[in-house]
N, C-alpha and C. Protein backbone atom coordinates (compact mmCIF):
# COMPACT_ATOMS: atom_id res chain seq x y z
N MET A 1 34.41 -5.84 -30.38
CA MET A 1 34.24 -5.03 -29.20
C MET A 1 35.62 -4.63 -28.68
N THR A 2 35.77 -3.36 -28.44
CA THR A 2 37.07 -2.88 -27.99
C THR A 2 37.19 -2.95 -26.47
N MET A 3 38.38 -2.78 -26.03
CA MET A 3 38.66 -2.81 -24.59
C MET A 3 37.97 -1.64 -23.88
N LEU A 4 37.90 -0.48 -24.55
CA LEU A 4 37.28 0.69 -23.95
C LEU A 4 35.80 0.47 -23.69
N THR A 5 35.07 -0.11 -24.64
CA THR A 5 33.64 -0.36 -24.43
C THR A 5 33.41 -1.39 -23.32
N THR A 6 34.29 -2.36 -23.24
CA THR A 6 34.17 -3.35 -22.18
C THR A 6 34.38 -2.72 -20.81
N VAL A 7 35.36 -1.85 -20.70
CA VAL A 7 35.66 -1.19 -19.43
C VAL A 7 34.52 -0.23 -19.05
N VAL A 8 34.04 0.57 -20.00
CA VAL A 8 32.96 1.52 -19.73
C VAL A 8 31.69 0.77 -19.33
N SER A 9 31.38 -0.30 -20.05
CA SER A 9 30.21 -1.09 -19.72
C SER A 9 30.34 -1.72 -18.34
N GLY A 10 31.49 -2.24 -18.02
CA GLY A 10 31.72 -2.82 -16.70
C GLY A 10 31.60 -1.81 -15.58
N LEU A 11 32.11 -0.60 -15.81
CA LEU A 11 32.00 0.45 -14.80
C LEU A 11 30.54 0.87 -14.58
N LEU A 12 29.79 0.99 -15.67
CA LEU A 12 28.38 1.36 -15.55
C LEU A 12 27.58 0.28 -14.84
N LEU A 13 27.82 -0.98 -15.20
CA LEU A 13 27.11 -2.08 -14.56
C LEU A 13 27.46 -2.19 -13.08
N THR A 14 28.73 -2.03 -12.75
CA THR A 14 29.17 -2.12 -11.36
C THR A 14 28.62 -0.96 -10.53
N SER A 15 28.65 0.24 -11.09
CA SER A 15 28.12 1.38 -10.34
C SER A 15 26.60 1.26 -10.16
N GLY A 16 25.91 0.70 -11.14
CA GLY A 16 24.48 0.46 -10.99
C GLY A 16 24.19 -0.52 -9.87
N LEU A 17 24.97 -1.59 -9.80
CA LEU A 17 24.80 -2.55 -8.70
C LEU A 17 25.12 -1.93 -7.35
N MET A 18 26.12 -1.05 -7.32
CA MET A 18 26.47 -0.37 -6.06
C MET A 18 25.32 0.54 -5.60
N PHE A 19 24.66 1.24 -6.54
CA PHE A 19 23.51 2.07 -6.17
C PHE A 19 22.39 1.20 -5.62
N TRP A 20 22.18 0.04 -6.21
CA TRP A 20 21.16 -0.87 -5.68
C TRP A 20 21.48 -1.27 -4.25
N LEU A 21 22.73 -1.63 -4.00
CA LEU A 21 23.11 -2.07 -2.66
C LEU A 21 23.08 -0.91 -1.65
N ILE A 22 23.60 0.24 -2.03
CA ILE A 22 23.61 1.39 -1.14
C ILE A 22 22.20 1.90 -0.89
N GLY A 23 21.31 1.71 -1.84
CA GLY A 23 19.93 2.16 -1.68
C GLY A 23 19.16 1.44 -0.61
N THR A 24 19.63 0.27 -0.21
CA THR A 24 18.94 -0.45 0.86
C THR A 24 19.30 0.08 2.24
N TRP A 25 20.33 0.91 2.35
CA TRP A 25 20.76 1.45 3.63
C TRP A 25 19.66 2.26 4.35
N PRO A 26 18.87 3.11 3.63
CA PRO A 26 17.81 3.86 4.34
C PRO A 26 16.75 2.97 4.97
N LEU A 27 16.64 1.72 4.56
CA LEU A 27 15.64 0.84 5.16
C LEU A 27 15.94 0.55 6.63
N LEU A 28 17.19 0.77 7.05
CA LEU A 28 17.56 0.51 8.44
C LEU A 28 17.31 1.71 9.35
N GLY A 29 16.90 2.85 8.78
CA GLY A 29 16.70 4.06 9.57
C GLY A 29 15.43 4.02 10.41
N ARG A 30 15.19 5.10 11.12
CA ARG A 30 14.04 5.19 12.01
C ARG A 30 12.93 6.07 11.43
N SER A 31 13.02 6.47 10.21
CA SER A 31 11.99 7.31 9.62
C SER A 31 10.79 6.46 9.21
N SER A 32 9.77 7.11 8.69
CA SER A 32 8.57 6.38 8.30
C SER A 32 8.87 5.44 7.13
N TYR A 33 8.02 4.47 6.97
CA TYR A 33 8.27 3.51 5.90
C TYR A 33 8.15 4.15 4.52
N LEU A 34 7.33 5.20 4.38
CA LEU A 34 7.23 5.88 3.09
C LEU A 34 8.52 6.63 2.78
N ALA A 35 9.13 7.25 3.79
CA ALA A 35 10.41 7.93 3.57
C ALA A 35 11.50 6.92 3.22
N LYS A 36 11.45 5.75 3.85
CA LYS A 36 12.42 4.70 3.53
C LYS A 36 12.25 4.24 2.09
N LEU A 37 11.01 4.05 1.68
CA LEU A 37 10.75 3.62 0.30
C LEU A 37 11.13 4.69 -0.71
N HIS A 38 11.00 5.96 -0.32
CA HIS A 38 11.40 7.04 -1.21
C HIS A 38 12.90 6.98 -1.48
N GLY A 39 13.70 6.82 -0.44
CA GLY A 39 15.15 6.71 -0.61
C GLY A 39 15.53 5.48 -1.43
N LEU A 40 14.84 4.39 -1.19
CA LEU A 40 15.09 3.17 -1.94
C LEU A 40 14.73 3.35 -3.41
N SER A 41 13.62 4.03 -3.70
CA SER A 41 13.21 4.19 -5.10
C SER A 41 14.16 5.12 -5.86
N VAL A 42 14.72 6.12 -5.18
CA VAL A 42 15.69 7.01 -5.84
C VAL A 42 16.95 6.24 -6.21
N ALA A 43 17.48 5.48 -5.26
CA ALA A 43 18.69 4.70 -5.53
C ALA A 43 18.42 3.61 -6.57
N ASP A 44 17.25 3.02 -6.52
CA ASP A 44 16.88 1.98 -7.47
C ASP A 44 16.78 2.55 -8.89
N THR A 45 16.23 3.75 -9.01
CA THR A 45 16.13 4.38 -10.33
C THR A 45 17.51 4.67 -10.90
N LEU A 46 18.39 5.25 -10.09
CA LEU A 46 19.74 5.54 -10.56
C LEU A 46 20.50 4.27 -10.92
N GLY A 47 20.40 3.26 -10.05
CA GLY A 47 21.09 2.00 -10.31
C GLY A 47 20.58 1.31 -11.56
N SER A 48 19.28 1.26 -11.71
CA SER A 48 18.71 0.61 -12.89
C SER A 48 19.06 1.36 -14.17
N ALA A 49 19.05 2.70 -14.11
CA ALA A 49 19.41 3.49 -15.29
C ALA A 49 20.87 3.25 -15.68
N LEU A 50 21.75 3.16 -14.69
CA LEU A 50 23.16 2.89 -15.00
C LEU A 50 23.35 1.49 -15.57
N ILE A 51 22.59 0.53 -15.08
CA ILE A 51 22.69 -0.82 -15.62
C ILE A 51 22.20 -0.87 -17.06
N VAL A 52 21.10 -0.19 -17.36
CA VAL A 52 20.60 -0.17 -18.74
C VAL A 52 21.59 0.56 -19.64
N LEU A 53 22.22 1.63 -19.16
CA LEU A 53 23.23 2.32 -19.96
C LEU A 53 24.44 1.42 -20.21
N GLY A 54 24.83 0.63 -19.20
CA GLY A 54 25.92 -0.32 -19.38
C GLY A 54 25.59 -1.37 -20.42
N LEU A 55 24.35 -1.84 -20.42
CA LEU A 55 23.92 -2.80 -21.44
C LEU A 55 23.85 -2.16 -22.81
N LEU A 56 23.50 -0.88 -22.85
CA LEU A 56 23.45 -0.16 -24.12
C LEU A 56 24.84 -0.02 -24.73
N VAL A 57 25.84 0.22 -23.89
CA VAL A 57 27.22 0.29 -24.38
C VAL A 57 27.69 -1.09 -24.84
N LEU A 58 27.27 -2.11 -24.12
CA LEU A 58 27.69 -3.48 -24.42
C LEU A 58 27.01 -4.03 -25.68
N GLN A 59 25.74 -3.72 -25.88
CA GLN A 59 24.97 -4.20 -27.02
C GLN A 59 24.34 -3.03 -27.77
N PRO A 60 25.11 -2.29 -28.56
CA PRO A 60 24.55 -1.11 -29.23
C PRO A 60 23.50 -1.44 -30.29
N ALA A 61 23.44 -2.68 -30.77
CA ALA A 61 22.44 -3.04 -31.77
C ALA A 61 21.03 -3.07 -31.16
N GLU A 62 20.94 -3.15 -29.85
CA GLU A 62 19.64 -3.21 -29.17
C GLU A 62 19.20 -1.84 -28.65
N TRP A 63 19.69 -0.76 -29.25
CA TRP A 63 19.40 0.57 -28.72
C TRP A 63 17.92 0.94 -28.72
N PRO A 64 17.08 0.51 -29.70
CA PRO A 64 15.66 0.91 -29.61
C PRO A 64 14.97 0.36 -28.36
N VAL A 65 15.19 -0.91 -28.07
CA VAL A 65 14.54 -1.53 -26.91
C VAL A 65 15.12 -0.98 -25.61
N LEU A 66 16.44 -0.87 -25.54
CA LEU A 66 17.07 -0.38 -24.31
C LEU A 66 16.76 1.10 -24.07
N SER A 67 16.65 1.88 -25.12
CA SER A 67 16.30 3.30 -24.96
C SER A 67 14.87 3.44 -24.44
N LEU A 68 13.96 2.63 -24.97
CA LEU A 68 12.58 2.65 -24.48
C LEU A 68 12.52 2.20 -23.03
N ALA A 69 13.28 1.18 -22.68
CA ALA A 69 13.32 0.71 -21.29
C ALA A 69 13.88 1.80 -20.37
N LEU A 70 14.93 2.47 -20.81
CA LEU A 70 15.53 3.53 -20.00
C LEU A 70 14.57 4.70 -19.81
N PHE A 71 13.91 5.09 -20.87
CA PHE A 71 12.95 6.20 -20.80
C PHE A 71 11.80 5.84 -19.86
N SER A 72 11.25 4.66 -20.00
CA SER A 72 10.13 4.24 -19.15
C SER A 72 10.57 4.15 -17.69
N LEU A 73 11.73 3.60 -17.48
CA LEU A 73 12.26 3.44 -16.13
C LEU A 73 12.43 4.79 -15.45
N VAL A 74 13.03 5.73 -16.14
CA VAL A 74 13.29 7.04 -15.54
C VAL A 74 11.98 7.79 -15.27
N ILE A 75 11.05 7.74 -16.20
CA ILE A 75 9.79 8.47 -16.01
C ILE A 75 8.97 7.85 -14.87
N TRP A 76 8.71 6.55 -14.94
CA TRP A 76 7.81 5.94 -13.96
C TRP A 76 8.44 5.82 -12.58
N ASN A 77 9.70 5.46 -12.48
CA ASN A 77 10.32 5.36 -11.16
C ASN A 77 10.48 6.73 -10.52
N THR A 78 10.76 7.75 -11.31
CA THR A 78 10.87 9.10 -10.77
C THR A 78 9.52 9.57 -10.26
N LEU A 79 8.47 9.31 -11.02
CA LEU A 79 7.13 9.69 -10.59
C LEU A 79 6.73 8.95 -9.32
N PHE A 80 7.03 7.66 -9.25
CA PHE A 80 6.73 6.86 -8.07
C PHE A 80 7.51 7.36 -6.86
N GLY A 81 8.78 7.68 -7.05
CA GLY A 81 9.59 8.21 -5.96
C GLY A 81 9.10 9.55 -5.47
N TYR A 82 8.62 10.39 -6.37
CA TYR A 82 8.07 11.68 -5.98
C TYR A 82 6.80 11.50 -5.15
N VAL A 83 5.94 10.59 -5.58
CA VAL A 83 4.71 10.34 -4.83
C VAL A 83 5.03 9.81 -3.43
N LEU A 84 5.99 8.90 -3.33
CA LEU A 84 6.38 8.38 -2.01
C LEU A 84 6.96 9.49 -1.14
N GLY A 85 7.79 10.34 -1.73
CA GLY A 85 8.37 11.45 -0.97
C GLY A 85 7.31 12.43 -0.51
N PHE A 86 6.33 12.70 -1.35
CA PHE A 86 5.25 13.62 -0.99
C PHE A 86 4.38 13.02 0.12
N CYS A 87 4.10 11.75 0.02
CA CYS A 87 3.26 11.10 1.03
C CYS A 87 3.98 10.92 2.35
N SER A 88 5.29 10.95 2.37
CA SER A 88 6.02 10.74 3.61
C SER A 88 6.17 12.02 4.43
N ARG A 89 5.76 13.15 3.88
CA ARG A 89 5.80 14.39 4.65
C ARG A 89 4.78 14.34 5.77
N ARG A 90 4.99 15.16 6.78
CA ARG A 90 4.06 15.16 7.92
C ARG A 90 2.70 15.71 7.51
N ARG A 91 2.68 16.76 6.74
CA ARG A 91 1.41 17.35 6.31
C ARG A 91 1.32 17.17 4.80
N THR A 92 0.41 16.32 4.35
CA THR A 92 0.27 16.07 2.93
C THR A 92 -0.91 16.81 2.33
N VAL A 93 -1.81 17.34 3.16
CA VAL A 93 -2.98 18.04 2.66
C VAL A 93 -2.59 19.49 2.43
N PRO A 94 -2.80 20.01 1.21
CA PRO A 94 -2.44 21.42 0.97
C PRO A 94 -3.31 22.35 1.80
N MET A 95 -2.72 23.43 2.26
CA MET A 95 -3.43 24.38 3.09
C MET A 95 -4.23 25.34 2.20
N MET A 96 -5.38 25.72 2.66
CA MET A 96 -6.19 26.70 1.96
C MET A 96 -5.59 28.08 2.21
N ASP A 97 -5.75 28.98 1.25
CA ASP A 97 -5.23 30.33 1.44
C ASP A 97 -5.92 30.99 2.62
N GLY A 98 -5.13 31.53 3.52
CA GLY A 98 -5.67 32.22 4.69
C GLY A 98 -5.96 31.30 5.85
N ALA A 99 -5.86 30.01 5.69
CA ALA A 99 -6.16 29.08 6.78
C ALA A 99 -4.94 28.98 7.70
N GLU A 100 -5.18 28.88 8.96
CA GLU A 100 -4.13 28.74 9.94
C GLU A 100 -3.85 27.26 10.17
N PRO A 101 -2.57 26.88 10.31
CA PRO A 101 -2.26 25.47 10.59
C PRO A 101 -2.73 25.08 11.99
N SER A 102 -3.20 23.86 12.11
CA SER A 102 -3.62 23.39 13.42
C SER A 102 -2.40 22.94 14.22
N PRO A 103 -2.43 23.10 15.54
CA PRO A 103 -1.25 22.76 16.36
C PRO A 103 -0.97 21.29 16.41
């Protein structure tokens, strides 16, 4: 293992941990709990993806398992974050064409 792979892996792992820690900051806000969870899930997805990429650089022989984990993580966490973001909006029911919004 070269010095470059060690440094790149360390940077990816550290930045992933930083995203995890920074992602908890929206939990202290005054928005709805769904909006808080949406922010947390976005930061968690980015942090986890960076950690898996750091492990992939560190252990390239495990690329099939780590690639599958990365793909699953990005797809399912992104979908979950989108659902949380959609549910945290004030109006979640789609409007019918021609219908007027209620006050």
